[in-house]
Amino acid sequence: MKNYHTHTKRCYHAINTEEEYILAAIKSGYTELGFSDHSPWHYDSSFHSTMRMEEDKLKGYVCTLKQLKEKYKNQISIKIGLECEYFEKYMPWLEKTIQEYELDYIILGNHYDETDETGIYFGQPLNQQQLTKYVDSCIKGLRTGLYSYLAHPDLAYYDIYDSFYTQEMTRLCLEAKELDIPLEFNLLGFSTHRQYPNEVFFKIAKKIGNKVIIGTDAHESSALLDLKIYHEAKSYLKRLGIEITEDIKFLR
């Protein structure tokens, strides 16, 4: 059992330390745990985000995980990554950061349009133009070859029974299929009954033949202890006939 969507208190809206997540994962029988806390960005403006790691905390995050990776190497495999949007203007900084810190992987969690300095949050009710921008942005991100999978692909908040939703999400699923990039079934949304994950989206993914990965999206270490919700999600996906994967491509 593997999970690559794990946050820490460094992002300001999660709790627990890196070690507490690792101990919970070991207790639950995970063989590999990937950390993907919300990425900092090197903003051009004086904008200050309250939902992501500060840029000056990144070194401590990576160093802490490298130490814990060594400490628990005989009990669990630890991978070090980030959850990042696709902010086109800041991608050169992100690519440099990936290399500098020797990150194992990043996942695409496309929360904001262009940048959170000025862009809308895609998890709020969207119009057609905004939904298209969400899909376009996700596709551009996936085409970079940097992202290991697309987190909560159905985060975009739009009427799921509208034919336009089917059109746009089919376009997204086709691209992910072509690039062989998994789509995430998000356990945080599943357990808290958010607008995602939704069955309409995953029926589209089934039709296209996408691979789906279960991501805990843990914001507290206890989420890794909740195997009941994990197995409920697995059974749900199997009932839909969806191919479940635990394997992702790493950057190194």
C-alpha atoms as a PDB file:
ATOM      1  CA  MET A   1       0.000   0.000   0.000  1.00  0.00           C
ATOM      2  CA  LYS A   2       1.358   3.396  -1.048  1.00  0.00           C
ATOM      3  CA  ASN A   3       0.345   7.029  -0.662  1.00  0.00           C
ATOM      4  CA  TYR A   4       1.937  10.047  -2.339  1.00  0.00           C
ATOM      5  CA  HIS A   5      -0.395  12.822  -1.169  1.00  0.00           C
ATOM      6  CA  THR A   6       0.684  13.862   2.312  1.00  0.00           C
ATOM      7  CA  HIS A   7       0.833  17.332   3.883  1.00  0.00           C
ATOM      8  CA  THR A   8       2.405  18.667   7.071  1.00  0.00           C
ATOM      9  CA  LYS A   9       1.844  21.574   9.432  1.00  0.00           C
ATOM     10  CA  ARG A  10       4.274  23.620   7.337  1.00  0.00           C
ATOM     11  CA  CYS A  11       1.420  24.543   4.950  1.00  0.00           C
ATOM     12  CA  TYR A  12      -0.600  26.239   7.738  1.00  0.00           C
ATOM     13  CA  HIS A  13      -3.807  24.250   7.222  1.00  0.00           C
ATOM     14  CA  ALA A  14      -2.585  20.804   8.229  1.00  0.00           C
ATOM     15  CA  ILE A  15      -1.351  19.437  11.547  1.00  0.00           C
ATOM     16  CA  ASN A  16       1.316  16.998  12.734  1.00  0.00           C
ATOM     17  CA  THR A  17       4.991  16.621  11.971  1.00  0.00           C
ATOM     18  CA  GLU A  18       6.584  14.603   9.222  1.00  0.00           C
ATOM     19  CA  GLU A  19       7.572  11.904  11.709  1.00  0.00           C
ATOM     20  CA  GLU A  20       4.025  11.547  13.017  1.00  0.00           C
ATOM     21  CA  TYR A  21       2.798  10.848   9.482  1.00  0.00           C
ATOM     22  CA  ILE A  22       5.540   8.277   8.987  1.00  0.00           C
ATOM     23  CA  LEU A  23       4.691   6.473  12.223  1.00  0.00           C
ATOM     24  CA  ALA A  24       0.996   6.385  11.286  1.00  0.00           C
ATOM     25  CA  ALA A  25       1.838   5.002   7.842  1.00  0.00           C
ATOM     26  CA  ILE A  26       4.033   2.282   9.331  1.00  0.00           C
ATOM     27  CA  LYS A  27       1.274   1.349  11.774  1.00  0.00           C
ATOM     28  CA  SER A  28      -1.210   1.003   8.897  1.00  0.00           C
ATOM     29  CA  GLY A  29       1.108  -1.134   6.825  1.00  0.00           C
ATOM     30  CA  TYR A  30       2.095   1.318   4.103  1.00  0.00           C
ATOM     31  CA  THR A  31       5.225   0.269   2.237  1.00  0.00           C
ATOM     32  CA  GLU A  32       5.867   3.699   0.696  1.00  0.00           C
ATOM     33  CA  LEU A  33       4.888   7.189   1.800  1.00  0.00           C
ATOM     34  CA  GLY A  34       5.387  10.255  -0.338  1.00  0.00           C
ATOM     35  CA  PHE A  35       5.276  13.761   1.099  1.00  0.00           C
ATOM     36  CA  SER A  36       3.792  16.410  -1.177  1.00  0.00           C
ATOM     37  CA  ASP A  37       3.209  19.488   0.938  1.00  0.00           C
ATOM     38  CA  HIS A  38       1.874  22.576  -0.825  1.00  0.00           C
ATOM     39  CA  SER A  39       4.727  24.099  -2.771  1.00  0.00           C
ATOM     40  CA  PRO A  40       6.005  27.574  -2.060  1.00  0.00           C
ATOM     41  CA  TRP A  41       6.379  29.916  -5.034  1.00  0.00           C
ATOM     42  CA  HIS A  42       8.889  32.685  -5.622  1.00  0.00           C
ATOM     43  CA  TYR A  43       6.357  35.449  -6.225  1.00  0.00           C
ATOM     44  CA  ASP A  44       7.168  38.596  -8.180  1.00  0.00           C
ATOM     45  CA  SER A  45       4.838  40.523  -5.892  1.00  0.00           C
ATOM     46  CA  SER A  46       4.628  40.898  -2.117  1.00  0.00           C
ATOM     47  CA  PHE A  47       1.749  38.390  -2.036  1.00  0.00           C
ATOM     48  CA  HIS A  48       1.680  36.169   1.051  1.00  0.00           C
ATOM     49  CA  SER A  49      -0.157  32.862   0.849  1.00  0.00           C
ATOM     50  CA  THR A  50      -1.672  31.319   3.963  1.00  0.00           C
ATOM     51  CA  MET A  51      -2.273  27.880   2.418  1.00  0.00           C
ATOM     52  CA  ARG A  52       1.221  26.835   1.396  1.00  0.00           C
ATOM     53  CA  MET A  53       4.720  26.434   2.737  1.00  0.00           C
ATOM     54  CA  GLU A  54       6.875  29.555   2.913  1.00  0.00           C
ATOM     55  CA  GLU A  55       9.810  29.581   0.526  1.00  0.00           C
ATOM     56  CA  ASP A  56      12.317  29.785   3.385  1.00  0.00           C
ATOM     57  CA  LYS A  57      10.833  26.643   4.985  1.00  0.00           C
ATOM     58  CA  LEU A  58      11.537  24.407   1.993  1.00  0.00           C
ATOM     59  CA  LYS A  59      15.115  23.590   2.974  1.00  0.00           C
ATOM     60  CA  GLY A  60      14.019  22.462   6.441  1.00  0.00           C
ATOM     61  CA  TYR A  61      11.214  20.364   4.948  1.00  0.00           C
ATOM     62  CA  VAL A  62      13.577  18.498   2.634  1.00  0.00           C
ATOM     63  CA  CYS A  63      16.354  18.106   5.220  1.00  0.00           C
ATOM     64  CA  THR A  64      13.913  16.771   7.822  1.00  0.00           C
ATOM     65  CA  LEU A  65      12.526  14.217   5.388  1.00  0.00           C
ATOM     66  CA  LYS A  66      15.971  13.078   4.305  1.00  0.00           C
ATOM     67  CA  GLN A  67      16.884  12.447   7.947  1.00  0.00           C
ATOM     68  CA  LEU A  68      13.633  10.551   8.564  1.00  0.00           C
ATOM     69  CA  LYS A  69      14.078   8.599   5.349  1.00  0.00           C
ATOM     70  CA  GLU A  70      17.355   7.279   6.716  1.00  0.00           C
ATOM     71  CA  LYS A  71      15.968   6.726  10.218  1.00  0.00           C
ATOM     72  CA  TYR A  72      13.051   4.578   9.021  1.00  0.00           C
ATOM     73  CA  LYS A  73      14.659   3.020   5.935  1.00  0.00           C
ATOM     74  CA  ASN A  74      14.193  -0.498   7.274  1.00  0.00           C
ATOM     75  CA  GLN A  75      10.474   0.049   7.936  1.00  0.00           C
ATOM     76  CA  ILE A  76       9.140   2.160   5.076  1.00  0.00           C
ATOM     77  CA  SER A  77      10.237   3.847   1.848  1.00  0.00           C
ATOM     78  CA  ILE A  78       9.989   7.651   1.981  1.00  0.00           C
ATOM     79  CA  LYS A  79       9.701   9.847  -1.120  1.00  0.00           C
ATOM     80  CA  ILE A  80      10.115  13.622  -1.054  1.00  0.00           C
ATOM     81  CA  GLY A  81       7.932  15.784  -3.258  1.00  0.00           C
ATOM     82  CA  LEU A  82       5.575  18.740  -3.465  1.00  0.00           C
ATOM     83  CA  GLU A  83       2.029  19.443  -4.599  1.00  0.00           C
ATOM     84  CA  CYS A  84       2.244  22.253  -7.134  1.00  0.00           C
ATOM     85  CA  GLU A  85      -0.084  24.158  -9.405  1.00  0.00           C
ATOM     86  CA  TYR A  86       0.818  24.953 -12.985  1.00  0.00           C
ATOM     87  CA  PHE A  87       1.784  28.620 -12.736  1.00  0.00           C
ATOM     88  CA  GLU A  88       3.321  29.178 -16.167  1.00  0.00           C
ATOM     89  CA  LYS A  89       5.248  32.334 -15.269  1.00  0.00           C
ATOM     90  CA  TYR A  90       6.885  30.609 -12.293  1.00  0.00           C
ATOM     91  CA  MET A  91       7.711  27.257 -13.871  1.00  0.00           C
ATOM     92  CA  PRO A  92      11.418  28.108 -14.421  1.00  0.00           C
ATOM     93  CA  TRP A  93      11.728  28.685 -10.671  1.00  0.00           C
ATOM     94  CA  LEU A  94       9.966  25.386  -9.950  1.00  0.00           C
ATOM     95  CA  GLU A  95      12.213  23.438 -12.323  1.00  0.00           C
ATOM     96  CA  LYS A  96      15.297  24.958 -10.684  1.00  0.00           C
ATOM     97  CA  THR A  97      13.920  24.114  -7.231  1.00  0.00           C
ATOM     98  CA  ILE A  98      13.254  20.490  -8.201  1.00  0.00           C
ATOM     99  CA  GLN A  99      16.872  20.120  -9.236  1.00  0.00           C
ATOM    100  CA  GLU A 100      18.333  22.041  -6.301  1.00  0.00           C
ATOM    101  CA  TYR A 101      16.516  19.983  -3.688  1.00  0.00           C
ATOM    102  CA  GLU A 102      16.671  16.706  -5.617  1.00  0.00           C
ATOM    103  CA  LEU A 103      12.940  16.098  -5.286  1.00  0.00           C
ATOM    104  CA  ASP A 104      11.668  12.629  -6.110  1.00  0.00           C
ATOM    105  CA  TYR A 105       8.393  13.813  -7.637  1.00  0.00           C
ATOM    106  CA  ILE A 106       5.746  16.509  -7.766  1.00  0.00           C
ATOM    107  CA  ILE A 107       1.991  16.179  -8.196  1.00  0.00           C
ATOM    108  CA  LEU A 108      -0.290  18.616  -9.992  1.00  0.00           C
ATOM    109  CA  GLY A 109      -2.879  20.131  -7.690  1.00  0.00           C
ATOM    110  CA  ASN A 110      -4.322  22.898  -9.856  1.00  0.00           C
ATOM    111  CA  HIS A 111      -6.069  25.112  -7.325  1.00  0.00           C
ATOM    112  CA  TYR A 112      -5.718  28.583  -8.872  1.00  0.00           C
ATOM    113  CA  ASP A 113      -5.875  30.222 -12.277  1.00  0.00           C
ATOM    114  CA  GLU A 114      -2.436  31.445 -13.447  1.00  0.00           C
ATOM    115  CA  THR A 115      -1.276  32.324  -9.886  1.00  0.00           C
ATOM    116  CA  ASP A 116      -2.943  32.685  -6.516  1.00  0.00           C
ATOM    117  CA  GLU A 117      -1.729  36.282  -6.374  1.00  0.00           C
ATOM    118  CA  THR A 118      -4.643  37.339  -8.574  1.00  0.00           C
ATOM    119  CA  GLY A 119      -6.305  34.219 -10.009  1.00  0.00           C
ATOM    120  CA  ILE A 120      -9.569  32.638  -9.005  1.00  0.00           C
ATOM    121  CA  TYR A 121      -9.810  29.442  -6.975  1.00  0.00           C
ATOM    122  CA  PHE A 122     -10.989  26.655  -9.253  1.00  0.00           C
ATOM    123  CA  GLY A 123     -12.889  25.006  -6.381  1.00  0.00           C
ATOM    124  CA  GLN A 124     -15.507  27.773  -6.385  1.00  0.00           C
ATOM    125  CA  PRO A 125     -18.497  27.764  -8.773  1.00  0.00           C
ATOM    126  CA  LEU A 126     -17.172  28.271 -12.288  1.00  0.00           C
ATOM    127  CA  ASN A 127     -18.620  29.439 -15.597  1.00  0.00           C
ATOM    128  CA  GLN A 128     -17.843  27.747 -18.910  1.00  0.00           C
ATOM    129  CA  GLN A 129     -14.849  29.949 -19.680  1.00  0.00           C
ATOM    130  CA  GLN A 130     -13.337  29.276 -16.252  1.00  0.00           C
ATOM    131  CA  LEU A 131     -13.877  25.530 -16.535  1.00  0.00           C
ATOM    132  CA  THR A 132     -12.096  25.566 -19.890  1.00  0.00           C
ATOM    133  CA  LYS A 133      -9.223  27.508 -18.328  1.00  0.00           C
ATOM    134  CA  TYR A 134      -8.963  24.858 -15.611  1.00  0.00           C
ATOM    135  CA  VAL A 135      -8.746  22.059 -18.150  1.00  0.00           C
ATOM    136  CA  ASP A 136      -6.332  23.998 -20.381  1.00  0.00           C
ATOM    137  CA  SER A 137      -4.062  24.712 -17.425  1.00  0.00           C
ATOM    138  CA  CYS A 138      -4.086  21.085 -16.276  1.00  0.00           C
ATOM    139  CA  ILE A 139      -3.216  19.899 -19.775  1.00  0.00           C
ATOM    140  CA  LYS A 140      -0.341  22.361 -20.073  1.00  0.00           C
ATOM    141  CA  GLY A 141       0.968  21.154 -16.721  1.00  0.00           C
ATOM    142  CA  LEU A 142       0.725  17.490 -17.646  1.00  0.00           C
ATOM    143  CA  ARG A 143       2.540  18.125 -20.926  1.00  0.00           C
ATOM    144  CA  THR A 144       5.619  19.448 -19.092  1.00  0.00           C
ATOM    145  CA  GLY A 145       6.465  15.884 -18.066  1.00  0.00           C
ATOM    146  CA  LEU A 146       7.240  17.073 -14.532  1.00  0.00           C
ATOM    147  CA  TYR A 147       4.112  15.942 -12.707  1.00  0.00           C
ATOM    148  CA  SER A 148       3.680  12.329 -11.588  1.00  0.00           C
ATOM    149  CA  TYR A 149      -0.105  12.506 -11.398  1.00  0.00           C
ATOM    150  CA  LEU A 150      -3.064  14.861 -11.365  1.00  0.00           C
ATOM    151  CA  ALA A 151      -4.458  15.373  -7.867  1.00  0.00           C
ATOM    152  CA  HIS A 152      -8.217  15.835  -7.397  1.00  0.00           C
ATOM    153  CA  PRO A 153      -8.762  16.254 -11.171  1.00  0.00           C
ATOM    154  CA  ASP A 154     -12.454  16.927 -10.549  1.00  0.00           C
ATOM    155  CA  LEU A 155     -11.839  19.799  -8.107  1.00  0.00           C
ATOM    156  CA  ALA A 156     -13.254  22.227 -10.693  1.00  0.00           C
ATOM    157  CA  TYR A 157     -16.691  23.225  -9.376  1.00  0.00           C
ATOM    158  CA  TYR A 158     -19.212  23.070 -12.196  1.00  0.00           C
ATOM    159  CA  ASP A 159     -22.574  21.423 -12.839  1.00  0.00           C
ATOM    160  CA  ILE A 160     -21.495  17.819 -13.381  1.00  0.00           C
ATOM    161  CA  TYR A 161     -24.726  17.016 -15.261  1.00  0.00           C
ATOM    162  CA  ASP A 162     -24.158  19.729 -17.868  1.00  0.00           C
ATOM    163  CA  SER A 163     -22.964  18.393 -21.235  1.00  0.00           C
ATOM    164  CA  PHE A 164     -20.245  21.051 -21.235  1.00  0.00           C
ATOM    165  CA  TYR A 165     -18.749  19.437 -18.130  1.00  0.00           C
ATOM    166  CA  THR A 166     -18.657  16.087 -19.919  1.00  0.00           C
ATOM    167  CA  GLN A 167     -17.032  17.714 -22.946  1.00  0.00           C
ATOM    168  CA  GLU A 168     -14.275  19.407 -20.982  1.00  0.00           C
ATOM    169  CA  MET A 169     -13.537  16.556 -18.605  1.00  0.00           C
ATOM    170  CA  THR A 170     -13.412  14.129 -21.519  1.00  0.00           C
ATOM    171  CA  ARG A 171     -10.768  16.375 -23.042  1.00  0.00           C
ATOM    172  CA  LEU A 172      -8.774  16.272 -19.788  1.00  0.00           C
ATOM    173  CA  CYS A 173      -9.081  12.503 -19.428  1.00  0.00           C
ATOM    174  CA  LEU A 174      -8.037  11.903 -23.030  1.00  0.00           C
ATOM    175  CA  GLU A 175      -4.871  13.939 -22.503  1.00  0.00           C
ATOM    176  CA  ALA A 176      -3.998  12.122 -19.264  1.00  0.00           C
ATOM    177  CA  LYS A 177      -4.568   8.809 -21.033  1.00  0.00           C
ATOM    178  CA  GLU A 178      -2.335   9.809 -23.945  1.00  0.00           C
ATOM    179  CA  LEU A 179       0.436  10.848 -21.529  1.00  0.00           C
ATOM    180  CA  ASP A 180      -0.091   7.790 -19.302  1.00  0.00           C
ATOM    181  CA  ILE A 181      -0.523   9.973 -16.210  1.00  0.00           C
ATOM    182  CA  PRO A 182      -2.801   8.686 -13.415  1.00  0.00           C
ATOM    183  CA  LEU A 183      -5.771  10.630 -12.103  1.00  0.00           C
ATOM    184  CA  GLU A 184      -6.327  10.793  -8.366  1.00  0.00           C
ATOM    185  CA  PHE A 185      -9.345   9.618  -6.421  1.00  0.00           C
ATOM    186  CA  ASN A 186      -9.083  11.998  -3.472  1.00  0.00           C
ATOM    187  CA  LEU A 187      -9.827  10.488  -0.067  1.00  0.00           C
ATOM    188  CA  LEU A 188     -10.091  13.832   1.733  1.00  0.00           C
ATOM    189  CA  GLY A 189     -12.897  14.893  -0.578  1.00  0.00           C
ATOM    190  CA  PHE A 190     -14.469  11.433  -0.410  1.00  0.00           C
ATOM    191  CA  SER A 191     -14.505  11.312   3.385  1.00  0.00           C
ATOM    192  CA  THR A 192     -15.763  14.895   3.843  1.00  0.00           C
ATOM    193  CA  HIS A 193     -18.358  14.773   1.020  1.00  0.00           C
ATOM    194  CA  ARG A 194     -16.948  17.613  -1.062  1.00  0.00           C
ATOM    195  CA  GLN A 195     -17.905  18.208  -4.697  1.00  0.00           C
ATOM    196  CA  TYR A 196     -15.033  15.904  -5.555  1.00  0.00           C
ATOM    197  CA  PRO A 197     -14.550  13.081  -6.208  1.00  0.00           C
ATOM    198  CA  ASN A 198     -17.748  12.739  -8.243  1.00  0.00           C
ATOM    199  CA  GLU A 199     -19.096   9.725 -10.079  1.00  0.00           C
ATOM    200  CA  VAL A 200     -19.756  11.533 -13.350  1.00  0.00           C
ATOM    201  CA  PHE A 201     -16.069  12.347 -13.699  1.00  0.00           C
ATOM    202  CA  PHE A 202     -14.913   8.843 -12.878  1.00  0.00           C
ATOM    203  CA  LYS A 203     -17.384   7.295 -15.303  1.00  0.00           C
ATOM    204  CA  ILE A 204     -15.754   9.462 -17.966  1.00  0.00           C
ATOM    205  CA  ALA A 205     -12.350   8.222 -16.797  1.00  0.00           C
ATOM    206  CA  LYS A 206     -13.608   4.646 -16.993  1.00  0.00           C
ATOM    207  CA  LYS A 207     -14.839   5.192 -20.560  1.00  0.00           C
ATOM    208  CA  ILE A 208     -11.503   6.709 -21.614  1.00  0.00           C
ATOM    209  CA  GLY A 209      -9.516   4.009 -19.806  1.00  0.00           C
ATOM    210  CA  ASN A 210      -7.570   6.197 -17.396  1.00  0.00           C
ATOM    211  CA  LYS A 211      -5.505   4.764 -14.588  1.00  0.00           C
ATOM    212  CA  VAL A 212      -6.608   6.015 -11.179  1.00  0.00           C
ATOM    213  CA  ILE A 213      -4.497   6.360  -8.055  1.00  0.00           C
ATOM    214  CA  ILE A 214      -5.945   6.708  -4.560  1.00  0.00           C
ATOM    215  CA  GLY A 215      -4.505   9.724  -2.752  1.00  0.00           C
ATOM    216  CA  THR A 216      -5.131  10.191   0.940  1.00  0.00           C
ATOM    217  CA  ASP A 217      -4.521  13.966   0.796  1.00  0.00           C
ATOM    218  CA  ALA A 218      -3.610  13.647   4.451  1.00  0.00           C
ATOM    219  CA  HIS A 219      -3.750  16.890   6.415  1.00  0.00           C
ATOM    220  CA  GLU A 220      -3.431  15.073   9.719  1.00  0.00           C
ATOM    221  CA  SER A 221      -1.574  11.876  10.527  1.00  0.00           C
ATOM    222  CA  SER A 222      -4.777  10.112  11.614  1.00  0.00           C
ATOM    223  CA  ALA A 223      -5.896  10.110   7.956  1.00  0.00           C
ATOM    224  CA  LEU A 224      -3.270   7.439   7.307  1.00  0.00           C
ATOM    225  CA  LEU A 225      -4.806   5.296  10.045  1.00  0.00           C
ATOM    226  CA  ASP A 226      -8.275   5.372   8.470  1.00  0.00           C
ATOM    227  CA  LEU A 227      -8.064   2.213   6.391  1.00  0.00           C
ATOM    228  CA  LYS A 228     -11.845   1.882   6.375  1.00  0.00           C
ATOM    229  CA  ILE A 229     -12.256   4.879   4.059  1.00  0.00           C
ATOM    230  CA  TYR A 230      -9.333   3.664   1.930  1.00  0.00           C
ATOM    231  CA  HIS A 231     -10.976   0.278   1.355  1.00  0.00           C
ATOM    232  CA  GLU A 232     -14.363   1.911   0.717  1.00  0.00           C
ATOM    233  CA  ALA A 233     -12.772   3.993  -2.026  1.00  0.00           C
ATOM    234  CA  LYS A 234     -11.038   0.970  -3.493  1.00  0.00           C
ATOM    235  CA  SER A 235     -14.318  -0.971  -3.579  1.00  0.00           C
ATOM    236  CA  TYR A 236     -16.120   2.008  -5.116  1.00  0.00           C
ATOM    237  CA  LEU A 237     -13.582   2.239  -7.953  1.00  0.00           C
ATOM    238  CA  LYS A 238     -13.680  -1.493  -8.551  1.00  0.00           C
ATOM    239  CA  ARG A 239     -17.475  -1.352  -8.848  1.00  0.00           C
ATOM    240  CA  LEU A 240     -17.023   1.248 -11.572  1.00  0.00           C
ATOM    241  CA  GLY A 241     -14.561  -1.045 -13.320  1.00  0.00           C
ATOM    242  CA  ILE A 242     -11.683   1.416 -13.047  1.00  0.00           C
ATOM    243  CA  GLU A 243      -8.040   0.328 -13.198  1.00  0.00           C
ATOM    244  CA  ILE A 244      -6.358   1.246  -9.903  1.00  0.00           C
ATOM    245  CA  THR A 245      -2.620   1.849  -9.821  1.00  0.00           C
ATOM    246  CA  GLU A 246      -0.161   2.579  -7.032  1.00  0.00           C
ATOM    247  CA  ASP A 247       2.769   3.237  -9.321  1.00  0.00           C
ATOM    248  CA  ILE A 248       3.948   6.683 -10.422  1.00  0.00           C
ATOM    249  CA  LYS A 249       6.892   7.926 -12.431  1.00  0.00           C
ATOM    250  CA  PHE A 250       9.631   9.602 -10.404  1.00  0.00           C
ATOM    251  CA  LEU A 251      11.917  12.410 -11.472  1.00  0.00           C
ATOM    252  CA  ARG A 252      15.068  10.534 -10.447  1.00  0.00           C
END
